[in-house]
Amino acid sequence: MTTSIFFDDALRMLVNAYWISAILLIAASGIGLAVIETIEKTGER
């Protein structure tokens, strides 16, 4: 019994992983910028 994966299924998984990682990167950078902005505002008092 061989477990093989078709090329279009593998390509679809790679594309999904790419989009998920891109969305997570944008979300994480937004959160990081918000944290940095908050730290700077508290330091200006």
N, C-alpha and C. Protein backbone atom coordinates (compact mmCIF):
# COMPACT_ATOMS: atom_id res chain seq x y z
N MET A 1 0.83 -1.18 0.00
CA MET A 1 0.00 0.00 0.00
C MET A 1 0.88 1.25 0.00
N THR A 2 0.73 2.06 -1.00
CA THR A 2 1.52 3.28 -1.09
C THR A 2 0.63 4.49 -0.77
N THR A 3 1.18 5.38 0.01
CA THR A 3 0.44 6.61 0.31
C THR A 3 1.06 7.73 -0.52
N SER A 4 0.37 8.09 -1.57
CA SER A 4 0.87 9.15 -2.45
C SER A 4 -0.08 10.33 -2.41
N ILE A 5 0.45 11.49 -2.68
CA ILE A 5 -0.35 12.72 -2.71
C ILE A 5 -0.25 13.29 -4.11
N PHE A 6 -1.37 13.73 -4.63
CA PHE A 6 -1.37 14.27 -5.98
C PHE A 6 -0.78 15.67 -5.99
N PHE A 7 -0.27 16.05 -7.16
CA PHE A 7 0.43 17.34 -7.28
C PHE A 7 -0.50 18.50 -6.97
N ASP A 8 -1.74 18.47 -7.46
CA ASP A 8 -2.63 19.60 -7.23
C ASP A 8 -3.03 19.71 -5.76
N ASP A 9 -3.13 18.58 -5.08
CA ASP A 9 -3.40 18.63 -3.63
C ASP A 9 -2.22 19.23 -2.87
N ALA A 10 -1.02 18.83 -3.24
CA ALA A 10 0.17 19.37 -2.59
C ALA A 10 0.31 20.87 -2.87
N LEU A 11 0.03 21.25 -4.10
CA LEU A 11 0.11 22.67 -4.45
C LEU A 11 -0.92 23.48 -3.69
N ARG A 12 -2.13 22.94 -3.55
CA ARG A 12 -3.18 23.63 -2.80
C ARG A 12 -2.78 23.79 -1.34
N MET A 13 -2.17 22.77 -0.75
CA MET A 13 -1.73 22.87 0.64
C MET A 13 -0.64 23.92 0.80
N LEU A 14 0.29 23.98 -0.16
CA LEU A 14 1.36 24.97 -0.09
C LEU A 14 0.81 26.39 -0.23
N VAL A 15 -0.14 26.58 -1.13
CA VAL A 15 -0.74 27.90 -1.32
C VAL A 15 -1.49 28.32 -0.06
N ASN A 16 -2.25 27.39 0.53
CA ASN A 16 -2.97 27.70 1.77
C ASN A 16 -2.00 28.05 2.89
N ALA A 17 -0.91 27.32 3.00
CA ALA A 17 0.08 27.61 4.04
C ALA A 17 0.71 28.99 3.80
N TYR A 18 0.95 29.34 2.55
CA TYR A 18 1.51 30.64 2.22
C TYR A 18 0.57 31.77 2.65
N TRP A 19 -0.72 31.65 2.30
CA TRP A 19 -1.68 32.70 2.64
C TRP A 19 -1.87 32.80 4.14
N ILE A 20 -1.93 31.67 4.83
CA ILE A 20 -2.09 31.70 6.29
C ILE A 20 -0.89 32.36 6.94
N SER A 21 0.32 32.04 6.48
CA SER A 21 1.51 32.66 7.07
C SER A 21 1.57 34.15 6.77
N ALA A 22 1.13 34.56 5.58
CA ALA A 22 1.12 35.98 5.25
C ALA A 22 0.13 36.73 6.13
N ILE A 23 -1.05 36.18 6.33
CA ILE A 23 -2.06 36.83 7.18
C ILE A 23 -1.57 36.90 8.63
N LEU A 24 -0.97 35.83 9.11
CA LEU A 24 -0.46 35.84 10.48
C LEU A 24 0.67 36.84 10.65
N LEU A 25 1.51 36.98 9.64
CA LEU A 25 2.60 37.95 9.71
C LEU A 25 2.07 39.37 9.76
N ILE A 26 1.07 39.68 8.95
CA ILE A 26 0.48 41.02 8.96
C ILE A 26 -0.18 41.29 10.31
N ALA A 27 -0.90 40.31 10.84
CA ALA A 27 -1.56 40.48 12.14
C ALA A 27 -0.53 40.68 13.25
N ALA A 28 0.52 39.90 13.24
CA ALA A 28 1.54 40.02 14.29
C ALA A 28 2.26 41.36 14.20
N SER A 29 2.52 41.85 13.00
CA SER A 29 3.19 43.14 12.88
C SER A 29 2.27 44.27 13.34
N GLY A 30 0.97 44.14 13.07
CA GLY A 30 0.02 45.15 13.55
C GLY A 30 -0.03 45.18 15.07
N ILE A 31 -0.06 44.01 15.68
CA ILE A 31 -0.08 43.93 17.14
C ILE A 31 1.22 44.49 17.71
N GLY A 32 2.33 44.14 17.09
CA GLY A 32 3.63 44.65 17.56
C GLY A 32 3.72 46.17 17.47
N LEU A 33 3.24 46.73 16.37
CA LEU A 33 3.25 48.19 16.23
C LEU A 33 2.35 48.85 17.27
N ALA A 34 1.20 48.25 17.56
CA ALA A 34 0.31 48.80 18.58
C ALA A 34 0.97 48.78 19.95
N VAL A 35 1.67 47.71 20.25
CA VAL A 35 2.37 47.62 21.54
C VAL A 35 3.47 48.66 21.63
N ILE A 36 4.24 48.82 20.57
CA ILE A 36 5.32 49.80 20.57
C ILE A 36 4.75 51.21 20.72
N GLU A 37 3.66 51.51 20.02
CA GLU A 37 3.04 52.83 20.13
C GLU A 37 2.54 53.09 21.54
N THR A 38 1.98 52.08 22.17
CA THR A 38 1.50 52.23 23.55
C THR A 38 2.67 52.48 24.50
N ILE A 39 3.75 51.77 24.31
CA ILE A 39 4.93 51.95 25.17
C ILE A 39 5.49 53.37 25.00
N GLU A 40 5.54 53.85 23.76
CA GLU A 40 6.05 55.20 23.53
C GLU A 40 5.14 56.25 24.14
N LYS A 41 3.83 56.06 24.06
CA LYS A 41 2.90 57.04 24.62
C LYS A 41 3.03 57.10 26.14
N THR A 42 3.22 55.95 26.80
CA THR A 42 3.35 55.95 28.25
C THR A 42 4.68 56.56 28.68
N GLY A 43 5.68 56.50 27.82
CA GLY A 43 6.97 57.08 28.15
C GLY A 43 7.02 58.58 27.99
N GLU A 44 6.07 59.17 27.25
CA GLU A 44 6.09 60.61 26.98
C GLU A 44 5.53 61.45 28.11
N ARG A 45 4.80 60.86 29.03
CA ARG A 45 4.13 61.59 30.09
C ARG A 45 4.98 62.68 30.58
